[in-house]
C-alpha atoms as a PDB file:
ATOM      1  CA  MET A   1    -117.022 309.631  29.707  1.00  0.00           C
ATOM      2  CA  GLY A   2    -120.635 309.516  28.589  1.00  0.00           C
ATOM      3  CA  VAL A   3    -123.812 311.508  28.247  1.00  0.00           C
ATOM      4  CA  ILE A   4    -124.501 314.302  30.720  1.00  0.00           C
ATOM      5  CA  LYS A   5    -127.654 313.749  32.737  1.00  0.00           C
ATOM      6  CA  TYR A   6    -130.463 316.088  31.694  1.00  0.00           C
ATOM      7  CA  GLN A   7    -134.075 316.071  32.851  1.00  0.00           C
ATOM      8  CA  VAL A   8    -136.449 316.565  29.927  1.00  0.00           C
ATOM      9  CA  THR A   9    -138.968 319.306  30.741  1.00  0.00           C
ATOM     10  CA  GLU A  10    -142.640 319.630  29.846  1.00  0.00           C
ATOM     11  CA  GLU A  11    -141.671 322.390  27.403  1.00  0.00           C
ATOM     12  CA  ASP A  12    -139.173 320.010  25.732  1.00  0.00           C
ATOM     13  CA  LYS A  13    -141.890 317.366  25.383  1.00  0.00           C
ATOM     14  CA  LYS A  14    -144.309 319.919  23.949  1.00  0.00           C
ATOM     15  CA  ARG A  15    -141.769 320.982  21.338  1.00  0.00           C
ATOM     16  CA  PHE A  16    -141.074 317.371  20.386  1.00  0.00           C
ATOM     17  CA  ASP A  17    -144.795 316.533  20.157  1.00  0.00           C
ATOM     18  CA  GLU A  18    -145.616 319.595  18.054  1.00  0.00           C
ATOM     19  CA  ASP A  19    -142.610 319.808  15.760  1.00  0.00           C
ATOM     20  CA  GLY A  20    -141.453 316.185  15.586  1.00  0.00           C
ATOM     21  CA  TYR A  21    -138.013 316.975  16.934  1.00  0.00           C
ATOM     22  CA  TRP A  22    -136.237 318.607  19.838  1.00  0.00           C
ATOM     23  CA  ILE A  23    -132.674 319.904  20.201  1.00  0.00           C
ATOM     24  CA  SER A  24    -131.031 319.098  23.504  1.00  0.00           C
ATOM     25  CA  PRO A  25    -128.551 321.160  25.460  1.00  0.00           C
ATOM     26  CA  LYS A  26    -124.921 320.064  25.214  1.00  0.00           C
ATOM     27  CA  LEU A  27    -124.905 316.422  26.302  1.00  0.00           C
ATOM     28  CA  ILE A  28    -121.281 315.388  25.861  1.00  0.00           C
ATOM     29  CA  ASP A  29    -118.195 317.275  26.972  1.00  0.00           C
ATOM     30  CA  ASP A  30    -115.292 318.382  24.801  1.00  0.00           C
ATOM     31  CA  GLU A  31    -113.091 315.457  25.827  1.00  0.00           C
ATOM     32  CA  THR A  32    -115.778 312.973  24.803  1.00  0.00           C
ATOM     33  CA  ILE A  33    -116.318 314.828  21.524  1.00  0.00           C
ATOM     34  CA  GLN A  34    -112.621 314.492  20.746  1.00  0.00           C
ATOM     35  CA  ARG A  35    -112.652 310.791  21.571  1.00  0.00           C
ATOM     36  CA  LEU A  36    -115.620 310.244  19.271  1.00  0.00           C
ATOM     37  CA  ARG A  37    -113.887 312.143  16.479  1.00  0.00           C
ATOM     38  CA  GLU A  38    -110.895 309.855  16.950  1.00  0.00           C
ATOM     39  CA  ALA A  39    -113.282 306.889  16.959  1.00  0.00           C
ATOM     40  CA  HIS A  40    -114.430 307.973  13.498  1.00  0.00           C
ATOM     41  CA  GLU A  41    -110.841 307.904  12.286  1.00  0.00           C
ATOM     42  CA  ARG A  42    -110.268 304.445  13.731  1.00  0.00           C
ATOM     43  CA  ILE A  43    -113.485 303.021  12.301  1.00  0.00           C
ATOM     44  CA  TRP A  44    -112.833 304.240   8.764  1.00  0.00           C
ATOM     45  CA  ASN A  45    -109.302 302.807   9.022  1.00  0.00           C
ATOM     46  CA  LYS A  46    -110.795 299.455  10.155  1.00  0.00           C
ATOM     47  CA  LYS A  47    -109.148 299.517  13.550  1.00  0.00           C
ATOM     48  CA  HIS A  48    -111.601 297.690  15.806  1.00  0.00           C
ATOM     49  CA  ASP A  49    -111.945 297.271  19.555  1.00  0.00           C
ATOM     50  CA  GLY A  50    -112.497 293.720  20.743  1.00  0.00           C
ATOM     51  CA  HIS A  51    -112.445 290.576  18.663  1.00  0.00           C
ATOM     52  CA  GLY A  52    -115.747 290.945  16.818  1.00  0.00           C
ATOM     53  CA  LEU A  53    -116.582 291.994  13.296  1.00  0.00           C
ATOM     54  CA  PRO A  54    -118.748 294.864  12.038  1.00  0.00           C
ATOM     55  CA  PHE A  55    -122.407 294.181  11.280  1.00  0.00           C
ATOM     56  CA  TYR A  56    -121.655 294.028   7.574  1.00  0.00           C
ATOM     57  CA  HIS A  57    -118.656 294.463   5.293  1.00  0.00           C
ATOM     58  CA  TYR A  58    -117.916 298.103   4.615  1.00  0.00           C
ATOM     59  CA  SER A  59    -115.486 300.001   2.455  1.00  0.00           C
ATOM     60  CA  LEU A  60    -114.950 303.657   1.669  1.00  0.00           C
ATOM     61  CA  PRO A  61    -117.009 304.928  -1.293  1.00  0.00           C
ATOM     62  CA  GLU A  62    -115.231 305.430  -4.595  1.00  0.00           C
ATOM     63  CA  ASN A  63    -116.298 309.075  -4.687  1.00  0.00           C
ATOM     64  CA  PRO A  64    -114.323 310.851  -1.924  1.00  0.00           C
ATOM     65  CA  LEU A  65    -117.157 313.383  -1.589  1.00  0.00           C
ATOM     66  CA  ALA A  66    -119.816 310.734  -0.936  1.00  0.00           C
ATOM     67  CA  ILE A  67    -121.284 310.235   2.506  1.00  0.00           C
ATOM     68  CA  ARG A  68    -119.993 307.373   4.666  1.00  0.00           C
ATOM     69  CA  LYS A  69    -122.359 305.442   6.931  1.00  0.00           C
ATOM     70  CA  LEU A  70    -121.758 302.465   9.207  1.00  0.00           C
ATOM     71  CA  ASP A  71    -124.442 300.713  11.280  1.00  0.00           C
ATOM     72  CA  ASN A  72    -123.763 299.236  14.730  1.00  0.00           C
ATOM     73  CA  GLY A  73    -120.485 300.992  15.324  1.00  0.00           C
ATOM     74  CA  TRP A  74    -120.915 300.007  18.975  1.00  0.00           C
ATOM     75  CA  TRP A  75    -119.975 296.448  18.028  1.00  0.00           C
ATOM     76  CA  ILE A  76    -116.451 297.491  17.080  1.00  0.00           C
ATOM     77  CA  ASN A  77    -115.721 300.722  18.960  1.00  0.00           C
ATOM     78  CA  ASP A  78    -115.760 301.248  22.727  1.00  0.00           C
ATOM     79  CA  GLU A  79    -116.205 305.029  22.533  1.00  0.00           C
ATOM     80  CA  VAL A  80    -119.299 304.734  20.352  1.00  0.00           C
ATOM     81  CA  ARG A  81    -120.661 302.008  22.614  1.00  0.00           C
ATOM     82  CA  SER A  82    -120.345 304.130  25.745  1.00  0.00           C
ATOM     83  CA  VAL A  83    -122.505 306.865  24.206  1.00  0.00           C
ATOM     84  CA  VAL A  84    -125.196 305.015  22.235  1.00  0.00           C
ATOM     85  CA  THR A  85    -125.956 302.627  25.112  1.00  0.00           C
ATOM     86  CA  ASN A  86    -125.921 305.359  27.769  1.00  0.00           C
ATOM     87  CA  ARG A  87    -128.713 305.265  30.339  1.00  0.00           C
ATOM     88  CA  ASN A  88    -129.169 309.039  30.334  1.00  0.00           C
ATOM     89  CA  LEU A  89    -129.828 308.988  26.587  1.00  0.00           C
ATOM     90  CA  GLY A  90    -132.406 306.259  27.112  1.00  0.00           C
ATOM     91  CA  HIS A  91    -134.094 308.183  29.913  1.00  0.00           C
ATOM     92  CA  MET A  92    -134.497 311.271  27.713  1.00  0.00           C
ATOM     93  CA  ALA A  93    -135.919 309.138  24.896  1.00  0.00           C
ATOM     94  CA  ALA A  94    -138.376 307.476  27.303  1.00  0.00           C
ATOM     95  CA  GLU A  95    -139.623 310.882  28.441  1.00  0.00           C
ATOM     96  CA  LEU A  96    -140.053 312.214  24.899  1.00  0.00           C
ATOM     97  CA  LEU A  97    -141.759 309.064  23.598  1.00  0.00           C
ATOM     98  CA  ASN A  98    -143.750 308.491  26.809  1.00  0.00           C
ATOM     99  CA  GLU A  99    -142.471 304.910  27.067  1.00  0.00           C
ATOM    100  CA  ASP A 100    -141.497 302.851  30.114  1.00  0.00           C
ATOM    101  CA  SER A 101    -138.335 301.335  28.657  1.00  0.00           C
ATOM    102  CA  ILE A 102    -135.945 302.029  25.803  1.00  0.00           C
ATOM    103  CA  ARG A 103    -133.630 299.758  23.812  1.00  0.00           C
ATOM    104  CA  LEU A 104    -131.064 300.438  21.120  1.00  0.00           C
ATOM    105  CA  TRP A 105    -132.428 299.568  17.667  1.00  0.00           C
ATOM    106  CA  HIS A 106    -129.050 300.265  16.093  1.00  0.00           C
ATOM    107  CA  ASP A 107    -126.556 303.083  15.822  1.00  0.00           C
ATOM    108  CA  GLN A 108    -124.948 304.844  12.875  1.00  0.00           C
ATOM    109  CA  VAL A 109    -121.561 306.462  12.414  1.00  0.00           C
ATOM    110  CA  ILE A 110    -121.948 309.112   9.691  1.00  0.00           C
ATOM    111  CA  TYR A 111    -119.188 311.065   7.960  1.00  0.00           C
ATOM    112  CA  LYS A 112    -120.025 313.780   5.430  1.00  0.00           C
ATOM    113  CA  PRO A 113    -116.862 314.988   3.614  1.00  0.00           C
ATOM    114  CA  GLY A 114    -116.273 318.666   3.028  1.00  0.00           C
ATOM    115  CA  THR A 115    -116.323 319.826  -0.593  1.00  0.00           C
ATOM    116  CA  ASN A 116    -114.346 323.070  -0.132  1.00  0.00           C
ATOM    117  CA  GLY A 117    -117.155 324.987  -1.820  1.00  0.00           C
ATOM    118  CA  GLN A 118    -117.686 322.535  -4.670  1.00  0.00           C
ATOM    119  CA  GLU A 119    -121.383 322.146  -5.465  1.00  0.00           C
ATOM    120  CA  THR A 120    -122.209 318.446  -5.569  1.00  0.00           C
ATOM    121  CA  LYS A 121    -125.084 316.201  -4.552  1.00  0.00           C
ATOM    122  CA  ALA A 122    -122.720 313.388  -3.528  1.00  0.00           C
ATOM    123  CA  GLY A 123    -123.035 314.172   0.166  1.00  0.00           C
ATOM    124  CA  ASN A 124    -126.767 314.876   0.184  1.00  0.00           C
ATOM    125  CA  VAL A 125    -129.106 312.848   2.355  1.00  0.00           C
ATOM    126  CA  GLY A 126    -132.506 312.703   0.676  1.00  0.00           C
ATOM    127  CA  TRP A 127    -135.745 313.665   2.406  1.00  0.00           C
ATOM    128  CA  HIS A 128    -136.868 310.527   4.229  1.00  0.00           C
ATOM    129  CA  GLN A 129    -138.541 309.081   7.302  1.00  0.00           C
ATOM    130  CA  ASP A 130    -136.379 306.778   9.398  1.00  0.00           C
ATOM    131  CA  TYR A 131    -139.404 304.546   9.874  1.00  0.00           C
ATOM    132  CA  GLY A 132    -139.457 304.137   6.103  1.00  0.00           C
ATOM    133  CA  TYR A 133    -136.673 301.605   6.724  1.00  0.00           C
ATOM    134  CA  TRP A 134    -138.051 300.133   9.950  1.00  0.00           C
ATOM    135  CA  ARG A 135    -141.573 299.046   9.038  1.00  0.00           C
ATOM    136  CA  ASN A 136    -140.975 295.493  10.205  1.00  0.00           C
ATOM    137  CA  SER A 137    -140.943 296.878  13.753  1.00  0.00           C
ATOM    138  CA  SER A 138    -144.259 296.872  15.594  1.00  0.00           C
ATOM    139  CA  THR A 139    -144.286 300.571  16.410  1.00  0.00           C
ATOM    140  CA  SER A 140    -143.358 303.833  14.755  1.00  0.00           C
ATOM    141  CA  ASN A 141    -142.923 305.435  18.186  1.00  0.00           C
ATOM    142  CA  MET A 142    -139.157 305.414  17.855  1.00  0.00           C
ATOM    143  CA  VAL A 143    -136.610 308.217  18.016  1.00  0.00           C
ATOM    144  CA  THR A 144    -133.294 309.074  16.405  1.00  0.00           C
ATOM    145  CA  VAL A 145    -130.659 310.878  18.455  1.00  0.00           C
ATOM    146  CA  TRP A 146    -128.248 312.686  16.101  1.00  0.00           C
ATOM    147  CA  ILE A 147    -125.195 313.912  18.031  1.00  0.00           C
ATOM    148  CA  ALA A 148    -123.042 316.632  16.457  1.00  0.00           C
ATOM    149  CA  LEU A 149    -119.266 316.297  16.870  1.00  0.00           C
ATOM    150  CA  GLN A 150    -118.675 319.881  15.692  1.00  0.00           C
ATOM    151  CA  ASP A 151    -120.742 323.039  15.386  1.00  0.00           C
ATOM    152  CA  THR A 152    -123.217 322.184  12.653  1.00  0.00           C
ATOM    153  CA  ASP A 153    -125.400 324.338  10.418  1.00  0.00           C
ATOM    154  CA  LEU A 154    -126.386 324.410   6.750  1.00  0.00           C
ATOM    155  CA  THR A 155    -122.901 325.473   5.609  1.00  0.00           C
ATOM    156  CA  ASN A 156    -121.454 322.099   6.610  1.00  0.00           C
ATOM    157  CA  GLY A 157    -124.391 319.957   5.569  1.00  0.00           C
ATOM    158  CA  GLY A 158    -126.505 320.136   8.697  1.00  0.00           C
ATOM    159  CA  MET A 159    -129.837 318.384   8.901  1.00  0.00           C
ATOM    160  CA  MET A 160    -133.170 319.990   8.080  1.00  0.00           C
ATOM    161  CA  THR A 161    -136.510 318.750   9.396  1.00  0.00           C
ATOM    162  CA  ILE A 162    -140.041 319.218   8.093  1.00  0.00           C
ATOM    163  CA  LEU A 163    -142.014 320.661  10.978  1.00  0.00           C
ATOM    164  CA  GLY A 164    -144.924 318.505  12.114  1.00  0.00           C
ATOM    165  CA  SER A 165    -144.382 315.849   9.444  1.00  0.00           C
ATOM    166  CA  HIS A 166    -144.418 313.094  12.082  1.00  0.00           C
ATOM    167  CA  LYS A 167    -148.185 313.635  12.206  1.00  0.00           C
ATOM    168  CA  TRP A 168    -148.525 312.427   8.604  1.00  0.00           C
ATOM    169  CA  GLY A 169    -148.084 308.793   9.590  1.00  0.00           C
ATOM    170  CA  ALA A 170    -145.916 306.296   7.744  1.00  0.00           C
ATOM    171  CA  VAL A 171    -145.644 307.518   4.142  1.00  0.00           C
ATOM    172  CA  GLU A 172    -145.146 304.917   1.431  1.00  0.00           C
ATOM    173  CA  GLY A 173    -141.797 305.070  -0.321  1.00  0.00           C
ATOM    174  CA  SER A 174    -140.135 307.223   2.329  1.00  0.00           C
ATOM    175  CA  ASP A 175    -136.985 305.038   2.469  1.00  0.00           C
ATOM    176  CA  THR A 176    -135.070 307.601   0.396  1.00  0.00           C
ATOM    177  CA  PHE A 177    -131.945 308.359   2.455  1.00  0.00           C
ATOM    178  CA  PHE A 178    -129.665 307.685  -0.514  1.00  0.00           C
ATOM    179  CA  GLU A 179    -131.706 309.570  -3.139  1.00  0.00           C
ATOM    180  CA  GLN A 180    -129.812 312.825  -3.524  1.00  0.00           C
ATOM    181  CA  ASP A 181    -132.137 314.984  -5.629  1.00  0.00           C
ATOM    182  CA  MET A 182    -133.761 317.008  -2.846  1.00  0.00           C
ATOM    183  CA  SER A 183    -136.064 318.962  -5.176  1.00  0.00           C
ATOM    184  CA  LYS A 184    -137.438 315.817  -6.771  1.00  0.00           C
ATOM    185  CA  LEU A 185    -138.115 314.294  -3.369  1.00  0.00           C
ATOM    186  CA  LYS A 186    -139.833 317.452  -2.197  1.00  0.00           C
ATOM    187  CA  GLU A 187    -142.205 317.212  -5.174  1.00  0.00           C
ATOM    188  CA  LYS A 188    -142.932 313.624  -4.185  1.00  0.00           C
ATOM    189  CA  PHE A 189    -143.599 314.210  -0.498  1.00  0.00           C
ATOM    190  CA  ALA A 190    -144.771 317.830  -0.147  1.00  0.00           C
ATOM    191  CA  LYS A 191    -148.477 317.072  -0.380  1.00  0.00           C
ATOM    192  CA  ARG A 192    -149.194 319.087   2.791  1.00  0.00           C
ATOM    193  CA  ASP A 193    -147.624 322.080   4.511  1.00  0.00           C
ATOM    194  CA  TRP A 194    -143.890 321.737   3.908  1.00  0.00           C
ATOM    195  CA  VAL A 195    -141.974 323.874   6.399  1.00  0.00           C
ATOM    196  CA  GLU A 196    -138.221 323.263   6.411  1.00  0.00           C
ATOM    197  CA  GLU A 197    -136.342 324.100   9.583  1.00  0.00           C
ATOM    198  CA  PRO A 198    -132.569 323.709   9.959  1.00  0.00           C
ATOM    199  CA  CYS A 199    -131.175 321.875  12.979  1.00  0.00           C
ATOM    200  CA  ILE A 200    -128.424 324.214  14.113  1.00  0.00           C
ATOM    201  CA  LEU A 201    -126.311 322.489  16.758  1.00  0.00           C
ATOM    202  CA  LYS A 202    -123.254 323.285  18.796  1.00  0.00           C
ATOM    203  CA  ALA A 203    -120.734 320.466  19.195  1.00  0.00           C
ATOM    204  CA  GLY A 204    -122.096 318.027  21.765  1.00  0.00           C
ATOM    205  CA  GLN A 205    -125.754 318.889  21.251  1.00  0.00           C
ATOM    206  CA  ALA A 206    -128.196 316.336  19.875  1.00  0.00           C
ATOM    207  CA  SER A 207    -131.306 316.436  17.737  1.00  0.00           C
ATOM    208  CA  PHE A 208    -133.958 313.979  18.912  1.00  0.00           C
ATOM    209  CA  HIS A 209    -136.293 313.449  15.967  1.00  0.00           C
ATOM    210  CA  HIS A 210    -139.297 311.142  15.755  1.00  0.00           C
ATOM    211  CA  ALA A 211    -139.040 308.165  13.415  1.00  0.00           C
ATOM    212  CA  LEU A 212    -141.850 309.622  11.269  1.00  0.00           C
ATOM    213  CA  THR A 213    -140.338 313.109  10.948  1.00  0.00           C
ATOM    214  CA  PHE A 214    -139.133 313.867   7.422  1.00  0.00           C
ATOM    215  CA  HIS A 215    -135.568 315.137   7.361  1.00  0.00           C
ATOM    216  CA  GLY A 216    -132.605 315.399   5.016  1.00  0.00           C
ATOM    217  CA  SER A 217    -129.426 317.379   4.457  1.00  0.00           C
ATOM    218  CA  GLY A 218    -127.535 319.142   1.704  1.00  0.00           C
ATOM    219  CA  PRO A 219    -123.843 319.449   0.857  1.00  0.00           C
ATOM    220  CA  ASN A 220    -121.039 320.211   3.282  1.00  0.00           C
ATOM    221  CA  LEU A 221    -119.421 323.203   1.593  1.00  0.00           C
ATOM    222  CA  THR A 222    -116.643 323.639   4.155  1.00  0.00           C
ATOM    223  CA  ASN A 223    -113.126 322.208   4.168  1.00  0.00           C
ATOM    224  CA  ASP A 224    -113.751 319.880   7.105  1.00  0.00           C
ATOM    225  CA  ALA A 225    -115.803 316.700   7.344  1.00  0.00           C
ATOM    226  CA  ARG A 226    -119.085 316.800   9.257  1.00  0.00           C
ATOM    227  CA  LEU A 227    -119.023 313.993  11.828  1.00  0.00           C
ATOM    228  CA  SER A 228    -121.881 312.566  13.856  1.00  0.00           C
ATOM    229  CA  ILE A 229    -122.802 309.618  16.052  1.00  0.00           C
ATOM    230  CA  VAL A 230    -126.420 308.518  15.847  1.00  0.00           C
ATOM    231  CA  ALA A 231    -128.487 306.334  18.189  1.00  0.00           C
ATOM    232  CA  HIS A 232    -131.782 304.903  16.920  1.00  0.00           C
ATOM    233  CA  LEU A 233    -133.912 303.976  19.927  1.00  0.00           C
ATOM    234  CA  MET A 234    -137.112 301.948  20.347  1.00  0.00           C
ATOM    235  CA  PRO A 235    -139.569 301.015  23.108  1.00  0.00           C
ATOM    236  CA  GLY A 236    -138.424 298.005  25.085  1.00  0.00           C
ATOM    237  CA  ASP A 237    -141.344 295.807  23.988  1.00  0.00           C
ATOM    238  CA  THR A 238    -140.951 296.361  20.220  1.00  0.00           C
ATOM    239  CA  TYR A 239    -141.501 293.159  18.216  1.00  0.00           C
ATOM    240  CA  TYR A 240    -141.155 291.905  14.655  1.00  0.00           C
ATOM    241  CA  ARG A 241    -144.143 292.722  12.467  1.00  0.00           C
ATOM    242  CA  GLY A 242    -144.193 290.380   9.509  1.00  0.00           C
ATOM    243  CA  GLY A 243    -145.269 291.002   5.947  1.00  0.00           C
ATOM    244  CA  LYS A 244    -144.143 294.603   5.641  1.00  0.00           C
ATOM    245  CA  GLN A 245    -140.464 294.888   4.932  1.00  0.00           C
ATOM    246  CA  ARG A 246    -137.092 293.275   5.446  1.00  0.00           C
ATOM    247  CA  HIS A 247    -134.488 294.853   7.701  1.00  0.00           C
ATOM    248  CA  ASP A 248    -131.002 293.643   8.558  1.00  0.00           C
ATOM    249  CA  ASN A 249    -131.934 293.539  12.251  1.00  0.00           C
ATOM    250  CA  LEU A 250    -134.224 290.641  11.435  1.00  0.00           C
ATOM    251  CA  ARG A 251    -131.220 288.309  11.228  1.00  0.00           C
ATOM    252  CA  LEU A 252    -130.494 289.084  14.885  1.00  0.00           C
ATOM    253  CA  LEU A 253    -133.693 287.242  15.889  1.00  0.00           C
ATOM    254  CA  GLY A 254    -132.150 283.972  14.720  1.00  0.00           C
ATOM    255  CA  ALA A 255    -132.308 281.722  11.691  1.00  0.00           C
ATOM    256  CA  ARG A 256    -136.109 281.423  11.517  1.00  0.00           C
ATOM    257  CA  PRO A 257    -137.717 284.581  12.918  1.00  0.00           C
ATOM    258  CA  GLU A 258    -141.480 284.617  13.369  1.00  0.00           C
ATOM    259  CA  PRO A 259    -143.836 287.593  13.577  1.00  0.00           C
ATOM    260  CA  GLY A 260    -144.384 288.587  17.179  1.00  0.00           C
ATOM    261  CA  MET A 261    -140.831 287.866  18.283  1.00  0.00           C
ATOM    262  CA  ARG A 262    -139.500 290.723  20.368  1.00  0.00           C
ATOM    263  CA  PHE A 263    -136.332 292.575  19.517  1.00  0.00           C
ATOM    264  CA  ASP A 264    -135.155 291.960  23.070  1.00  0.00           C
ATOM    265  CA  ARG A 265    -131.911 290.013  22.903  1.00  0.00           C
ATOM    266  CA  GLU A 266    -129.689 292.094  25.139  1.00  0.00           C
ATOM    267  CA  GLU A 267    -126.507 291.265  23.232  1.00  0.00           C
ATOM    268  CA  TYR A 268    -127.963 292.939  20.126  1.00  0.00           C
ATOM    269  CA  PHE A 269    -130.649 295.309  21.459  1.00  0.00           C
ATOM    270  CA  PRO A 270    -129.370 296.444  24.860  1.00  0.00           C
ATOM    271  CA  THR A 271    -131.696 298.114  27.328  1.00  0.00           C
ATOM    272  CA  LEU A 272    -130.678 301.716  27.929  1.00  0.00           C
ATOM    273  CA  TYR A 273    -133.368 302.611  30.388  1.00  0.00           C
ATOM    274  CA  SER A 274    -136.292 301.058  32.231  1.00  0.00           C
ATOM    275  CA  ARG A 275    -138.594 302.674  34.784  1.00  0.00           C
END
């Protein structure tokens, strides 16, 4: 089980550099997809692998149509761990980011319920930059790998990216994942060319999007939940940049973190790949 080895091409790199994201070929086989779907079920039912605890307390949202999100699922689920710490995933990220080594920043397990055609904003993910949440890290040259566990398009709440928005730099106030009014956010951020492109994925494909690329998603209008496993990856020498922002990963540097400390403790930020 794991991620199929794929050699990133120059054309793939060009697409990533120009657009701010790249869609891979199918990286995980059907058996692995099924295991990850079952991992979702186990996680939401609080059935954990090993003797550890999740990164933070979590409970299902009161609104059954609201999105569910758990960070560091790899701490409590072996199937998630085998994918988000996979060397092949790290190698692809290193090629796209032009970095010598790649570590896991953290993962996410995301579940978007189906609404059976009911129009609601409860499952929306607002337009945001991932780096809007990560500004205490020393670099924005990070990448998110969003792995689809079913065929995914706009009908079931698939992601949309804003082409080339990674070239805008870190935009203030872009930590808006949970703000669900997409139109209002567009008014806030669309100060330049705003070209929305849907990420249409077959089960097992992944979208690699740059940490500065604006993206979001609308409602899942189908009967079935939209499931994904997400790996957020960083260069191996990323360190804590003080004075900008707090992030939960800061606690993993110890009781008294200092600016300049590297996020390099293997038990929390495992190395996926190094040249």
